[in-house]
Amino acid sequence: MEEKIKGTSKLQIIIRYIGALMSILVLLNLLGITKLNLWSFESLLLIFVFTLEYIPKIAAAHEDIKKKVINGLLYVCSLIPCFYLFFNIERLEWYYGSVWTTGDIVMGTLMVLSIMIIVYRKYGVAMPVIACVLMAYTLFGHYLPKNMMWHRAISFSSMISYLFSPSAVFGTVFSTFCSVIVLYMLFGSFLDVSGVGKYMTDLAFSVAGKYRGGPAKVAIISSALLGSINGNSVANVVTTGTITIPLMKKVGYKNHFAGAVEAVASTGGQILPPVMGAGAFIMAELLQISFSTVAIAAAIPALLYYLAVFLMVDLEAVRLDLKGMAKADITPLKTVLKKFYLLLPIIILIFQLIVIRASITRSGIIAIVSCVVVSLFSKENRMTPSKIIDALYSGARDCIGIAGVCAMAGIIIGTVSMTGLGTRFSSMVLAIAGNNLYFLAFLTAVICIVLGMGLPTTAAYIICVTVAAPALIKLEIPALAAHMFVFYYAILAAITPPVAAASYAAASIADAPIMKTGWAAVKLGIAAYIIPFFFLNNQPLLFDGAPLEILIAAATSILGIALLSMVVQNITFFRNPFPIISRILYGVACIMLIDPNHITDLIGLGIIFVSFFLGKFFSTKDTTLGES
């Protein structure tokens, strides 16, 4: 949330222009107009990030003198290593790979501490603690027994010189932030300022609002679309949940269920093409493949995820006999469609990324420009120069936390690389799993959820993929499938108790019990816990294979997901609950159908046939609906 600076309007204006300048600098650099060395550009971007973080707090009228002084000292200490790096690039590049001078080590230490502090301020203690533990392991791991996690001795100066370099803090993840993530954060802010974001919500209300349980379906559609772009489940819950959760409660959904719907819909946006948040861009960079390949691979699993959520929400509406919203409260679809042109930026982005497979940079820039163009056709949304500056500033401001996360990810990756922890950890997990793929996958899933607790998705994915993915790849799982598996469970940490940030944010808006909302979210998102196990060794679900094979896999999986939704909710669309034996058999059948294998598909269809007749035999006329 933007820091308010009371009584300092001139400073507010200055901060606004500093943020806009940062965004303009990024765009100029991506267009090749500025020809800064990448390392120099990264250090310059950090100067802007630290400025946008600290100056509003230093100037805030409600802050006491002590806090102002502390923020001032932190700001100065964070700027010093950035300027030092900027003006010593040539010398540091020349000596890159060897231990640097005492001054270099001091500056590197300041940089690492500054990054930790900014991440702590934005996201809490979890990620800094992980980084500190890994740095302690780097320094003292050589004291461990050799048959455990021992590594060769590494001095403090060697560690810092490695971290304060393009191999760690300024490595792949932070360079991806500078070249891609900032661009798409800007796209999200331009969508918001140009009215496209609001239009997507209005369109969702017009399409789904009138049907039973309409507000919940609106929440799924709007949160999915917005979540795909902003890549932050908690922020998405807070943004759309304030509208959708009260409406869900109004039509009759229970408080905890309404919160769970919003949490699951917002979280799933990060696996939904075309944008998929920041994590997918980093995945493409780490795998050295095109982003369109990642987006296409994610399409079927994302469809299955949202289909399951949508059906379970509809079944809950059937159970509670809920109606849709009143027509008077919904803008007619014909009226909304008159402004359909506002969706052109999204359509253009999809066309650029998926159809013609243009570069990520070109696609993002064209999409941003298209936001400005389409806004000109609407008087209320027209982007004036002032609104464009607002969008530029908003995008820069929203980048503060993710910049810290990406920089700290470099620290984590750097320590794992120096110590060989990833290889050792993979060997240990493989030894426990005994080369059993599904047991290994289960252990990996648990590790990812635990490591991802309390972290933003990008941070959770980077940590998990660094530590957990190598074990899967060692069992000859394709790298993309292994990364996608880890990505799913890193995302699911946001809705999985006991630390489920998205669920808890939604619970606070819904005025519902925290843990009850969290477990309801797990129930709604159950498809996401199951599907990754089936695309590890079955590539058709990741759009890899013959067209007919992919089509059959998608069709049977959709049938399996529909059946799973009814089994979990214990009710059919005809308001009938399942007899216990049928529910068990249908539960087995849905798993068989989700598995993209001809034999399991036939088994699943056979079980459905048998279960149908057994259900007829065991059903009774006095069967009643169970409690939700």
Foldseek 3Di string as FASTA:
>chain_A
DQQDAPPCVVVVVVLLLLLLVLLVVLLCVLVVVDDDDLQLNLLVSQLSLLCRPQVSVLRHPPDDPVSNVVSVVLSVLQNVLSVVCNVCVVVLVVVQPDQDDPVLLVSLVSNLVSLQVLLCVVQNDQLSVLLVVLVVCQQCQCVDDPVAQHFDHDDSRRLSSLLSDCQFLVDLLLSLCSNFQLLLLLLLLLCVLLVVLVLQLLLQCQVQQQFQLRLLSSLLRSLLVSLLRAQFLQVSCVVCVLPSQVVSVVQPDALLLSLLSNSLSNLLSLLADDRNHSQLSSLCRVVVHASLLSNLLSHLLSVLQSLLLVLLSVVVSVQVVTGGDDPVVHDHNVVSCVLVLLCVLVVQLCCCCHPVNHHSNVSSVVSSVSSQVSSCVPPVSHQDVVSSSVSSSSSSSSCSNVSSLSSSLSSLLSSCVSSVQQVSLLVVLCVVVVLPQVVLLVVLLVVLLVSLFSHRLNNSLSNSCSRRLVNLVVSVFPSSLSSVSSSLSSSCNCLAPPRNVSQQSSCVSSVHDSVSSSVSSCLSSVSSVQLSVQCRPPVLSSVDDDPVLVVQLSVLLSVLSSLSSCLSQQADPVGAGFDPVLSVLSPQLSSLSNRSDPVSPVVSVVSNVVSVVVRVVPDDPPDHHDDD
